[in-house]
Amino acid sequence: MSGASGIVSAVADASPQLQGLQELPLPAPVSYAPQTIGWLFVAALLLAAVLLAIWAARRRYERQRYRRNALQELAGIETSLASGQADPMQRAALLAAIPRLLKRTSLEFAPREQVAALTGDAWLAFLQRTRGRFDAQTGALLTLASYAPPEQVASLSHAEAAALVRHARDWIEHHHVEV
């Protein structure tokens, strides 16, 4: 390697015409910044789209707060029922809380005039219209939990209580607003 550099320096020293030459300058590095106004418009549109998506997600999250609260309350009822430590009157009160929870939840998204007065079959029809899966048996359990004496409500089996909780959770998670 030192032999090659020696030759270059010897040639440079030997020729007076080569003495005045300078090395070619390198071009300036290419900028990554957008060079046209069109890219600024694209960046502004992308920023606006991201901000709009964040705003819409936040708004949806806030609108669904009632659903999260209802699911949390239902989970507390389910835990209390599953523990098996509640006496019959407490168990009846827990089961009777499920229809009240469904009614309060429906009042959060539907007009009060349409929902507040619903009872019995009309209430079950509303639950089914809004994506409920309350069949005849579970609907009867819901009606029983709503209107029967506490002794009769407390006599529901664990499987019936679990079915009632499962259908209530499904409705709370998946109901839709009627238009």
N, C-alpha and C. Protein backbone atom coordinates (compact mmCIF):
# COMPACT_ATOMS: atom_id res chain seq x y z
N MET A 1 0.82 -1.18 0.00
CA MET A 1 0.00 0.00 0.00
C MET A 1 0.87 1.25 0.00
N SER A 2 1.94 1.21 0.73
CA SER A 2 2.81 2.39 0.76
C SER A 2 3.49 2.61 -0.58
N GLY A 3 3.63 1.55 -1.36
CA GLY A 3 4.21 1.68 -2.70
C GLY A 3 3.31 2.47 -3.62
N ALA A 4 2.00 2.27 -3.54
CA ALA A 4 1.05 2.97 -4.40
C ALA A 4 1.00 4.44 -4.05
N SER A 5 1.01 4.77 -2.77
CA SER A 5 0.96 6.19 -2.39
C SER A 5 2.26 6.88 -2.76
N GLY A 6 3.34 6.13 -2.77
CA GLY A 6 4.62 6.71 -3.18
C GLY A 6 4.62 7.07 -4.64
N ILE A 7 3.96 6.26 -5.46
CA ILE A 7 3.89 6.53 -6.90
C ILE A 7 3.06 7.77 -7.16
N VAL A 8 1.89 7.90 -6.45
CA VAL A 8 1.02 9.05 -6.64
C VAL A 8 1.74 10.32 -6.25
N SER A 9 2.45 10.31 -5.12
CA SER A 9 3.16 11.51 -4.70
C SER A 9 4.31 11.82 -5.65
N ALA A 10 4.93 10.80 -6.19
CA ALA A 10 6.02 11.02 -7.13
C ALA A 10 5.49 11.65 -8.41
N VAL A 11 4.30 11.20 -8.88
CA VAL A 11 3.72 11.77 -10.09
C VAL A 11 3.30 13.20 -9.84
N ALA A 12 2.72 13.49 -8.66
CA ALA A 12 2.27 14.84 -8.34
C ALA A 12 3.46 15.78 -8.24
N ASP A 13 4.57 15.30 -7.73
CA ASP A 13 5.75 16.16 -7.59
C ASP A 13 6.40 16.39 -8.96
N ALA A 14 6.27 15.42 -9.84
CA ALA A 14 6.96 15.49 -11.12
C ALA A 14 6.28 16.44 -12.09
N SER A 15 4.98 16.61 -12.00
CA SER A 15 4.28 17.41 -13.01
C SER A 15 3.87 18.74 -12.41
N PRO A 16 4.37 19.85 -12.92
CA PRO A 16 3.99 21.15 -12.40
C PRO A 16 2.54 21.49 -12.76
N GLN A 17 1.97 20.87 -13.82
CA GLN A 17 0.59 21.17 -14.19
C GLN A 17 -0.39 20.54 -13.19
N LEU A 18 0.02 19.49 -12.57
CA LEU A 18 -0.86 18.83 -11.61
C LEU A 18 -0.83 19.51 -10.24
N GLN A 19 0.13 20.37 -10.03
CA GLN A 19 0.27 21.04 -8.75
C GLN A 19 -0.94 21.91 -8.43
N GLY A 20 -1.57 22.55 -9.38
CA GLY A 20 -2.68 23.47 -9.16
C GLY A 20 -4.03 22.80 -9.04
N LEU A 21 -4.10 21.51 -9.26
CA LEU A 21 -5.39 20.81 -9.19
C LEU A 21 -5.84 20.62 -7.74
N GLN A 22 -7.15 20.72 -7.57
CA GLN A 22 -7.73 20.46 -6.24
C GLN A 22 -8.71 19.30 -6.36
N GLU A 23 -8.96 18.66 -5.25
CA GLU A 23 -9.89 17.54 -5.24
C GLU A 23 -11.32 18.06 -5.45
N LEU A 24 -12.14 17.30 -6.17
CA LEU A 24 -13.50 17.72 -6.44
C LEU A 24 -14.31 17.73 -5.14
N PRO A 25 -15.12 18.79 -4.92
CA PRO A 25 -15.93 18.82 -3.70
C PRO A 25 -17.11 17.85 -3.81
N LEU A 26 -17.49 17.27 -2.68
CA LEU A 26 -18.63 16.36 -2.63
C LEU A 26 -19.92 17.18 -2.61
N PRO A 27 -20.98 16.66 -3.20
CA PRO A 27 -22.25 17.40 -3.15
C PRO A 27 -22.80 17.43 -1.72
N ALA A 28 -23.66 18.40 -1.46
CA ALA A 28 -24.29 18.51 -0.14
C ALA A 28 -25.19 17.30 0.09
N PRO A 29 -25.32 16.86 1.33
CA PRO A 29 -26.19 15.71 1.59
C PRO A 29 -27.64 16.05 1.23
N VAL A 30 -28.37 15.04 0.78
CA VAL A 30 -29.76 15.23 0.37
C VAL A 30 -30.62 15.39 1.62
N SER A 31 -31.47 16.38 1.61
CA SER A 31 -32.36 16.65 2.74
C SER A 31 -33.57 15.71 2.68
N TYR A 32 -33.99 15.24 3.86
CA TYR A 32 -35.19 14.40 3.93
C TYR A 32 -36.46 15.23 4.11
N ALA A 33 -36.30 16.52 4.25
CA ALA A 33 -37.46 17.39 4.40
C ALA A 33 -38.21 17.48 3.08
N PRO A 34 -39.55 17.57 3.14
CA PRO A 34 -40.32 17.67 1.89
C PRO A 34 -39.95 18.97 1.15
N GLN A 35 -39.79 18.85 -0.13
CA GLN A 35 -39.35 19.98 -0.93
C GLN A 35 -40.50 20.72 -1.60
N THR A 36 -41.70 20.11 -1.60
CA THR A 36 -42.83 20.77 -2.27
C THR A 36 -43.96 20.98 -1.27
N ILE A 37 -44.84 21.88 -1.59
CA ILE A 37 -45.96 22.20 -0.70
C ILE A 37 -46.97 21.06 -0.63
N GLY A 38 -47.03 20.22 -1.64
CA GLY A 38 -47.95 19.09 -1.64
C GLY A 38 -47.71 18.16 -0.46
N TRP A 39 -46.44 17.94 -0.14
CA TRP A 39 -46.12 17.07 0.99
C TRP A 39 -46.55 17.70 2.31
N LEU A 40 -46.53 19.02 2.39
CA LEU A 40 -47.01 19.69 3.60
C LEU A 40 -48.51 19.48 3.77
N PHE A 41 -49.24 19.52 2.65
CA PHE A 41 -50.69 19.25 2.71
C PHE A 41 -50.95 17.81 3.13
N VAL A 42 -50.17 16.88 2.59
CA VAL A 42 -50.33 15.47 2.97
C VAL A 42 -50.04 15.29 4.47
N ALA A 43 -49.00 15.93 4.96
CA ALA A 43 -48.66 15.83 6.39
C ALA A 43 -49.78 16.44 7.24
N ALA A 44 -50.32 17.56 6.80
CA ALA A 44 -51.42 18.20 7.55
C ALA A 44 -52.65 17.31 7.56
N LEU A 45 -52.96 16.67 6.43
CA LEU A 45 -54.11 15.77 6.37
C LEU A 45 -53.90 14.55 7.27
N LEU A 46 -52.70 13.99 7.25
CA LEU A 46 -52.41 12.85 8.12
C LEU A 46 -52.53 13.22 9.59
N LEU A 47 -52.00 14.37 9.95
CA LEU A 47 -52.11 14.84 11.32
C LEU A 47 -53.56 15.04 11.72
N ALA A 48 -54.35 15.64 10.83
CA ALA A 48 -55.77 15.84 11.11
C ALA A 48 -56.50 14.51 11.26
N ALA A 49 -56.16 13.53 10.41
CA ALA A 49 -56.79 12.21 10.50
C ALA A 49 -56.45 11.53 11.82
N VAL A 50 -55.20 11.61 12.24
CA VAL A 50 -54.79 11.00 13.51
C VAL A 50 -55.51 11.68 14.67
N LEU A 51 -55.56 13.00 14.66
CA LEU A 51 -56.26 13.72 15.74
C LEU A 51 -57.75 13.39 15.77
N LEU A 52 -58.35 13.28 14.60
CA LEU A 52 -59.77 12.92 14.52
C LEU A 52 -60.00 11.51 15.05
N ALA A 53 -59.12 10.59 14.71
CA ALA A 53 -59.25 9.21 15.21
C ALA A 53 -59.10 9.16 16.72
N ILE A 54 -58.17 9.91 17.26
CA ILE A 54 -57.99 9.96 18.72
C ILE A 54 -59.23 10.55 19.38
N TRP A 55 -59.75 11.63 18.82
CA TRP A 55 -60.95 12.26 19.38
C TRP A 55 -62.14 11.30 19.35
N ALA A 56 -62.32 10.60 18.22
CA ALA A 56 -63.45 9.67 18.09
C ALA A 56 -63.30 8.49 19.05
N ALA A 57 -62.10 7.98 19.22
CA ALA A 57 -61.88 6.88 20.16
C ALA A 57 -62.15 7.33 21.59
N ARG A 58 -61.72 8.49 21.93
CA ARG A 58 -61.95 9.02 23.28
C ARG A 58 -63.45 9.22 23.52
N ARG A 59 -64.13 9.76 22.53
CA ARG A 59 -65.58 9.99 22.65
C ARG A 59 -66.34 8.67 22.82
N ARG A 60 -65.95 7.67 22.04
CA ARG A 60 -66.58 6.35 22.14
C ARG A 60 -66.31 5.74 23.51
N TYR A 61 -65.09 5.89 23.99
CA TYR A 61 -64.74 5.37 25.30
C TYR A 61 -65.60 6.02 26.38
N GLU A 62 -65.79 7.31 26.31
CA GLU A 62 -66.61 8.02 27.29
C GLU A 62 -68.08 7.62 27.19
N ARG A 63 -68.57 7.43 25.95
CA ARG A 63 -69.97 7.04 25.77
C ARG A 63 -70.24 5.64 26.30
N GLN A 64 -69.24 4.80 26.34
CA GLN A 64 -69.41 3.41 26.79
C GLN A 64 -69.15 3.23 28.29
N ARG A 65 -68.98 4.32 29.00
CA ARG A 65 -68.71 4.22 30.43
C ARG A 65 -69.84 3.50 31.18
N TYR A 66 -71.09 3.79 30.82
CA TYR A 66 -72.21 3.15 31.49
C TYR A 66 -72.15 1.63 31.33
N ARG A 67 -71.68 1.18 30.18
CA ARG A 67 -71.57 -0.26 29.91
C ARG A 67 -70.51 -0.88 30.82
N ARG A 68 -69.36 -0.23 30.93
CA ARG A 68 -68.30 -0.74 31.80
C ARG A 68 -68.74 -0.77 33.26
N ASN A 69 -69.45 0.27 33.70
CA ASN A 69 -69.93 0.30 35.08
C ASN A 69 -70.95 -0.81 35.33
N ALA A 70 -71.83 -1.05 34.37
CA ALA A 70 -72.83 -2.11 34.53
C ALA A 70 -72.16 -3.48 34.58
N LEU A 71 -71.16 -3.69 33.74
CA LEU A 71 -70.44 -4.97 33.76
C LEU A 71 -69.69 -5.18 35.07
N GLN A 72 -69.16 -4.10 35.60
CA GLN A 72 -68.47 -4.18 36.89
C GLN A 72 -69.46 -4.54 38.01
N GLU A 73 -70.62 -3.92 37.99
CA GLU A 73 -71.64 -4.23 39.00
C GLU A 73 -72.13 -5.66 38.85
N LEU A 74 -72.32 -6.11 37.62
CA LEU A 74 -72.75 -7.49 37.39
C LEU A 74 -71.69 -8.48 37.85
N ALA A 75 -70.43 -8.14 37.66
CA ALA A 75 -69.35 -9.02 38.13
C ALA A 75 -69.38 -9.14 39.66
N GLY A 76 -69.70 -8.05 40.34
CA GLY A 76 -69.83 -8.10 41.80
C GLY A 76 -70.99 -8.99 42.22
N ILE A 77 -72.11 -8.89 41.52
CA ILE A 77 -73.26 -9.74 41.81
C ILE A 77 -72.89 -11.20 41.57
N GLU A 78 -72.24 -11.47 40.46
CA GLU A 78 -71.86 -12.84 40.13
C GLU A 78 -70.90 -13.42 41.15
N THR A 79 -69.94 -12.62 41.60
CA THR A 79 -68.99 -13.09 42.61
C THR A 79 -69.70 -13.42 43.91
N SER A 80 -70.62 -12.56 44.31
CA SER A 80 -71.37 -12.81 45.54
C SER A 80 -72.24 -14.06 45.43
N LEU A 81 -72.84 -14.26 44.25
CA LEU A 81 -73.66 -15.45 44.05
C LEU A 81 -72.81 -16.71 44.02
N ALA A 82 -71.64 -16.63 43.40
CA ALA A 82 -70.78 -17.81 43.25
C ALA A 82 -70.13 -18.22 44.56
N SER A 83 -69.97 -17.27 45.47
CA SER A 83 -69.32 -17.61 46.74
C SER A 83 -70.18 -18.57 47.56
N GLY A 84 -71.49 -18.51 47.39
CA GLY A 84 -72.39 -19.41 48.09
C GLY A 84 -72.53 -19.09 49.57
N GLN A 85 -71.99 -17.97 50.02
CA GLN A 85 -72.04 -17.61 51.43
C GLN A 85 -73.25 -16.74 51.77
N ALA A 86 -74.00 -16.32 50.74
CA ALA A 86 -75.15 -15.46 51.00
C ALA A 86 -76.32 -16.30 51.51
N ASP A 87 -77.01 -15.75 52.50
CA ASP A 87 -78.20 -16.44 52.99
C ASP A 87 -79.30 -16.30 51.93
N PRO A 88 -80.40 -17.01 52.06
CA PRO A 88 -81.44 -16.98 51.01
C PRO A 88 -81.98 -15.58 50.71
N MET A 89 -82.12 -14.74 51.71
CA MET A 89 -82.65 -13.39 51.46
C MET A 89 -81.62 -12.53 50.71
N GLN A 90 -80.33 -12.69 51.06
CA GLN A 90 -79.30 -11.95 50.33
C GLN A 90 -79.21 -12.45 48.89
N ARG A 91 -79.33 -13.75 48.71
CA ARG A 91 -79.30 -14.34 47.37
C ARG A 91 -80.47 -13.82 46.55
N ALA A 92 -81.65 -13.74 47.15
CA ALA A 92 -82.82 -13.20 46.46
C ALA A 92 -82.60 -11.74 46.09
N ALA A 93 -81.98 -10.97 46.98
CA ALA A 93 -81.71 -9.56 46.69
C ALA A 93 -80.70 -9.42 45.55
N LEU A 94 -79.69 -10.30 45.54
CA LEU A 94 -78.69 -10.25 44.47
C LEU A 94 -79.33 -10.59 43.12
N LEU A 95 -80.18 -11.61 43.09
CA LEU A 95 -80.85 -11.99 41.84
C LEU A 95 -81.83 -10.91 41.40
N ALA A 96 -82.49 -10.26 42.34
CA ALA A 96 -83.44 -9.19 42.00
C ALA A 96 -82.70 -7.94 41.50
N ALA A 97 -81.42 -7.82 41.83
CA ALA A 97 -80.64 -6.67 41.38
C ALA A 97 -80.32 -6.76 39.89
N ILE A 98 -80.34 -7.97 39.32
CA ILE A 98 -79.99 -8.13 37.89
C ILE A 98 -81.01 -7.43 36.99
N PRO A 99 -82.33 -7.65 37.15
CA PRO A 99 -83.28 -6.92 36.29
C PRO A 99 -83.21 -5.40 36.49
N ARG A 100 -82.98 -4.96 37.73
CA ARG A 100 -82.84 -3.52 37.97
C ARG A 100 -81.61 -2.96 37.25
N LEU A 101 -80.54 -3.73 37.26
CA LEU A 101 -79.32 -3.31 36.57
C LEU A 101 -79.57 -3.20 35.06
N LEU A 102 -80.29 -4.17 34.50
CA LEU A 102 -80.61 -4.11 33.07
C LEU A 102 -81.47 -2.89 32.75
N LYS A 103 -82.42 -2.60 33.62
CA LYS A 103 -83.30 -1.44 33.39
C LYS A 103 -82.49 -0.14 33.47
N ARG A 104 -81.62 -0.01 34.48
CA ARG A 104 -80.80 1.20 34.59
C ARG A 104 -79.88 1.34 33.39
N THR A 105 -79.32 0.24 32.94
CA THR A 105 -78.43 0.27 31.79
C THR A 105 -79.19 0.71 30.53
N SER A 106 -80.39 0.20 30.35
CA SER A 106 -81.17 0.57 29.17
C SER A 106 -81.58 2.04 29.21
N LEU A 107 -81.79 2.58 30.40
CA LEU A 107 -82.15 3.99 30.52
C LEU A 107 -80.99 4.91 30.16
N GLU A 108 -79.77 4.39 30.14
CA GLU A 108 -78.61 5.20 29.77
C GLU A 108 -78.56 5.49 28.27
N PHE A 109 -79.11 4.60 27.45
CA PHE A 109 -78.97 4.80 26.01
C PHE A 109 -80.30 4.98 25.29
N ALA A 110 -81.39 4.58 25.89
CA ALA A 110 -82.68 4.69 25.23
C ALA A 110 -83.50 5.80 25.89
N PRO A 111 -84.42 6.39 25.15
CA PRO A 111 -85.26 7.45 25.74
C PRO A 111 -86.09 6.91 26.92
N ARG A 112 -86.12 7.67 27.97
CA ARG A 112 -86.82 7.28 29.19
C ARG A 112 -88.29 6.98 28.92
N GLU A 113 -88.91 7.74 28.01
CA GLU A 113 -90.32 7.54 27.72
C GLU A 113 -90.59 6.16 27.12
N GLN A 114 -89.62 5.62 26.40
CA GLN A 114 -89.79 4.33 25.75
C GLN A 114 -89.48 3.17 26.68
N VAL A 115 -88.62 3.36 27.67
CA VAL A 115 -88.10 2.23 28.43
C VAL A 115 -88.63 2.16 29.86
N ALA A 116 -88.81 3.28 30.50
CA ALA A 116 -89.11 3.28 31.94
C ALA A 116 -90.38 2.50 32.29
N ALA A 117 -91.40 2.58 31.48
CA ALA A 117 -92.67 1.95 31.81
C ALA A 117 -92.77 0.50 31.34
N LEU A 118 -91.76 -0.01 30.66
CA LEU A 118 -91.82 -1.39 30.13
C LEU A 118 -91.76 -2.41 31.26
N THR A 119 -92.64 -3.41 31.19
CA THR A 119 -92.64 -4.51 32.15
C THR A 119 -93.04 -5.79 31.41
N GLY A 120 -92.77 -6.90 32.03
CA GLY A 120 -93.22 -8.19 31.52
C GLY A 120 -92.76 -8.48 30.11
N ASP A 121 -93.73 -8.89 29.27
CA ASP A 121 -93.41 -9.28 27.90
C ASP A 121 -92.89 -8.11 27.07
N ALA A 122 -93.40 -6.91 27.32
CA ALA A 122 -92.91 -5.73 26.57
C ALA A 122 -91.44 -5.47 26.89
N TRP A 123 -91.06 -5.66 28.16
CA TRP A 123 -89.67 -5.49 28.57
C TRP A 123 -88.78 -6.54 27.91
N LEU A 124 -89.23 -7.77 27.90
CA LEU A 124 -88.45 -8.84 27.26
C LEU A 124 -88.34 -8.59 25.75
N ALA A 125 -89.41 -8.10 25.13
CA ALA A 125 -89.36 -7.79 23.69
C ALA A 125 -88.34 -6.68 23.43
N PHE A 126 -88.29 -5.68 24.31
CA PHE A 126 -87.30 -4.61 24.16
C PHE A 126 -85.89 -5.18 24.27
N LEU A 127 -85.66 -6.04 25.25
CA LEU A 127 -84.33 -6.63 25.41
C LEU A 127 -83.94 -7.45 24.17
N GLN A 128 -84.88 -8.16 23.61
CA GLN A 128 -84.58 -8.95 22.42
C GLN A 128 -84.34 -8.07 21.20
N ARG A 129 -85.08 -6.97 21.08
CA ARG A 129 -84.87 -6.05 19.95
C ARG A 129 -83.50 -5.39 20.00
N THR A 130 -83.01 -5.19 21.20
CA THR A 130 -81.73 -4.50 21.36
C THR A 130 -80.57 -5.48 21.51
N ARG A 131 -80.73 -6.66 20.93
CA ARG A 131 -79.68 -7.66 20.82
C ARG A 131 -79.62 -8.59 22.04
N GLY A 132 -80.73 -8.74 22.73
CA GLY A 132 -80.75 -9.66 23.85
C GLY A 132 -80.99 -11.08 23.40
N ARG A 133 -80.49 -12.03 24.16
CA ARG A 133 -80.68 -13.45 23.85
C ARG A 133 -81.52 -14.11 24.93
N PHE A 134 -82.45 -13.37 25.44
CA PHE A 134 -83.32 -13.91 26.48
C PHE A 134 -84.38 -14.78 25.81
N ASP A 135 -84.24 -16.09 25.94
CA ASP A 135 -85.23 -17.01 25.39
C ASP A 135 -86.40 -17.11 26.38
N ALA A 136 -87.32 -17.99 26.12
CA ALA A 136 -88.51 -18.10 26.98
C ALA A 136 -88.12 -18.48 28.41
N GLN A 137 -87.17 -19.39 28.56
CA GLN A 137 -86.78 -19.85 29.89
C GLN A 137 -86.05 -18.75 30.66
N THR A 138 -85.07 -18.13 30.02
CA THR A 138 -84.32 -17.08 30.71
C THR A 138 -85.18 -15.84 30.92
N GLY A 139 -86.06 -15.56 29.98
CA GLY A 139 -86.99 -14.45 30.16
C GLY A 139 -87.90 -14.67 31.35
N ALA A 140 -88.34 -15.93 31.52
CA ALA A 140 -89.17 -16.25 32.69
C ALA A 140 -88.37 -16.07 33.97
N LEU A 141 -87.09 -16.44 33.93
CA LEU A 141 -86.24 -16.24 35.12
C LEU A 141 -86.07 -14.76 35.43
N LEU A 142 -85.93 -13.95 34.38
CA LEU A 142 -85.79 -12.51 34.58
C LEU A 142 -87.07 -11.93 35.18
N THR A 143 -88.21 -12.36 34.67
CA THR A 143 -89.49 -11.91 35.21
C THR A 143 -89.66 -12.38 36.65
N LEU A 144 -89.28 -13.62 36.92
CA LEU A 144 -89.36 -14.16 38.28
C LEU A 144 -88.49 -13.36 39.23
N ALA A 145 -87.26 -13.06 38.80
CA ALA A 145 -86.35 -12.28 39.66
C ALA A 145 -86.87 -10.87 39.90
N SER A 146 -87.66 -10.36 38.95
CA SER A 146 -88.19 -9.00 39.08
C SER A 146 -89.39 -8.91 40.01
N TYR A 147 -90.31 -9.88 39.91
CA TYR A 147 -91.62 -9.70 40.54
C TYR A 147 -92.00 -10.74 41.58
N ALA A 148 -91.30 -11.85 41.65
CA ALA A 148 -91.69 -12.92 42.57
C ALA A 148 -91.28 -12.57 44.00
N PRO A 149 -91.92 -13.20 44.98
CA PRO A 149 -91.52 -13.00 46.38
C PRO A 149 -90.08 -13.48 46.59
N PRO A 150 -89.38 -12.88 47.53
CA PRO A 150 -87.97 -13.24 47.75
C PRO A 150 -87.74 -14.74 48.00
N GLU A 151 -88.66 -15.40 48.67
CA GLU A 151 -88.49 -16.83 48.94
C GLU A 151 -88.45 -17.62 47.63
N GLN A 152 -89.28 -17.24 46.69
CA GLN A 152 -89.33 -17.94 45.40
C GLN A 152 -88.07 -17.62 44.57
N VAL A 153 -87.62 -16.37 44.64
CA VAL A 153 -86.41 -15.98 43.90
C VAL A 153 -85.20 -16.71 44.47
N ALA A 154 -85.13 -16.84 45.79
CA ALA A 154 -84.00 -17.52 46.42
C ALA A 154 -83.97 -19.00 46.08
N SER A 155 -85.09 -19.56 45.67
CA SER A 155 -85.14 -20.99 45.36
C SER A 155 -84.60 -21.32 43.97
N LEU A 156 -84.20 -20.32 43.19
CA LEU A 156 -83.61 -20.59 41.87
C LEU A 156 -82.33 -21.40 42.04
N SER A 157 -82.12 -22.35 41.15
CA SER A 157 -80.91 -23.18 41.23
C SER A 157 -79.69 -22.36 40.81
N HIS A 158 -78.52 -22.89 41.11
CA HIS A 158 -77.28 -22.21 40.73
C HIS A 158 -77.15 -22.14 39.21
N ALA A 159 -77.59 -23.17 38.51
CA ALA A 159 -77.52 -23.16 37.04
C ALA A 159 -78.45 -22.08 36.47
N GLU A 160 -79.63 -21.93 37.05
CA GLU A 160 -80.55 -20.90 36.57
C GLU A 160 -80.00 -19.51 36.84
N ALA A 161 -79.42 -19.33 38.03
CA ALA A 161 -78.82 -18.03 38.36
C ALA A 161 -77.65 -17.73 37.44
N ALA A 162 -76.84 -18.75 37.14
CA ALA A 162 -75.69 -18.55 36.23
C ALA A 162 -76.17 -18.20 34.83
N ALA A 163 -77.26 -18.84 34.37
CA ALA A 163 -77.80 -18.54 33.05
C ALA A 163 -78.32 -17.10 33.00
N LEU A 164 -78.98 -16.68 34.07
CA LEU A 164 -79.49 -15.31 34.13
C LEU A 164 -78.33 -14.31 34.08
N VAL A 165 -77.27 -14.57 34.83
CA VAL A 165 -76.10 -13.67 34.82
C VAL A 165 -75.44 -13.68 33.44
N ARG A 166 -75.31 -14.85 32.83
CA ARG A 166 -74.66 -14.97 31.53
C ARG A 166 -75.43 -14.18 30.46
N HIS A 167 -76.74 -14.31 30.46
CA HIS A 167 -77.55 -13.58 29.47
C HIS A 167 -77.53 -12.08 29.73
N ALA A 168 -77.53 -11.71 30.99
CA ALA A 168 -77.46 -10.28 31.33
C ALA A 168 -76.12 -9.71 30.87
N ARG A 169 -75.03 -10.43 31.10
CA ARG A 169 -73.71 -9.96 30.67
C ARG A 169 -73.67 -9.83 29.15
N ASP A 170 -74.21 -10.82 28.46
CA ASP A 170 -74.21 -10.79 27.01
C ASP A 170 -74.98 -9.56 26.51
N TRP A 171 -76.13 -9.29 27.12
CA TRP A 171 -76.91 -8.13 26.68
C TRP A 171 -76.16 -6.84 26.96
N ILE A 172 -75.56 -6.71 28.15
CA ILE A 172 -74.85 -5.48 28.48
C ILE A 172 -73.67 -5.27 27.53
N GLU A 173 -72.96 -6.33 27.22
CA GLU A 173 -71.79 -6.20 26.35
C GLU A 173 -72.16 -5.88 24.91
N HIS A 174 -73.29 -6.42 24.42
CA HIS A 174 -73.56 -6.36 22.99
C HIS A 174 -74.82 -5.60 22.58
N HIS A 175 -75.55 -5.02 23.52
CA HIS A 175 -76.78 -4.33 23.09
C HIS A 175 -76.43 -3.16 22.19
N HIS A 176 -77.40 -2.78 21.38
CA HIS A 176 -77.21 -1.65 20.48
C HIS A 176 -78.34 -0.67 20.66
N VAL A 177 -78.07 0.55 20.29
CA VAL A 177 -79.06 1.60 20.42
C VAL A 177 -80.03 1.51 19.25
N GLU A 178 -81.31 1.53 19.55
CA GLU A 178 -82.31 1.55 18.49
C GLU A 178 -82.33 2.91 17.82
N VAL A 179 -82.49 2.90 16.53
CA VAL A 179 -82.52 4.18 15.79
C VAL A 179 -83.93 4.42 15.32
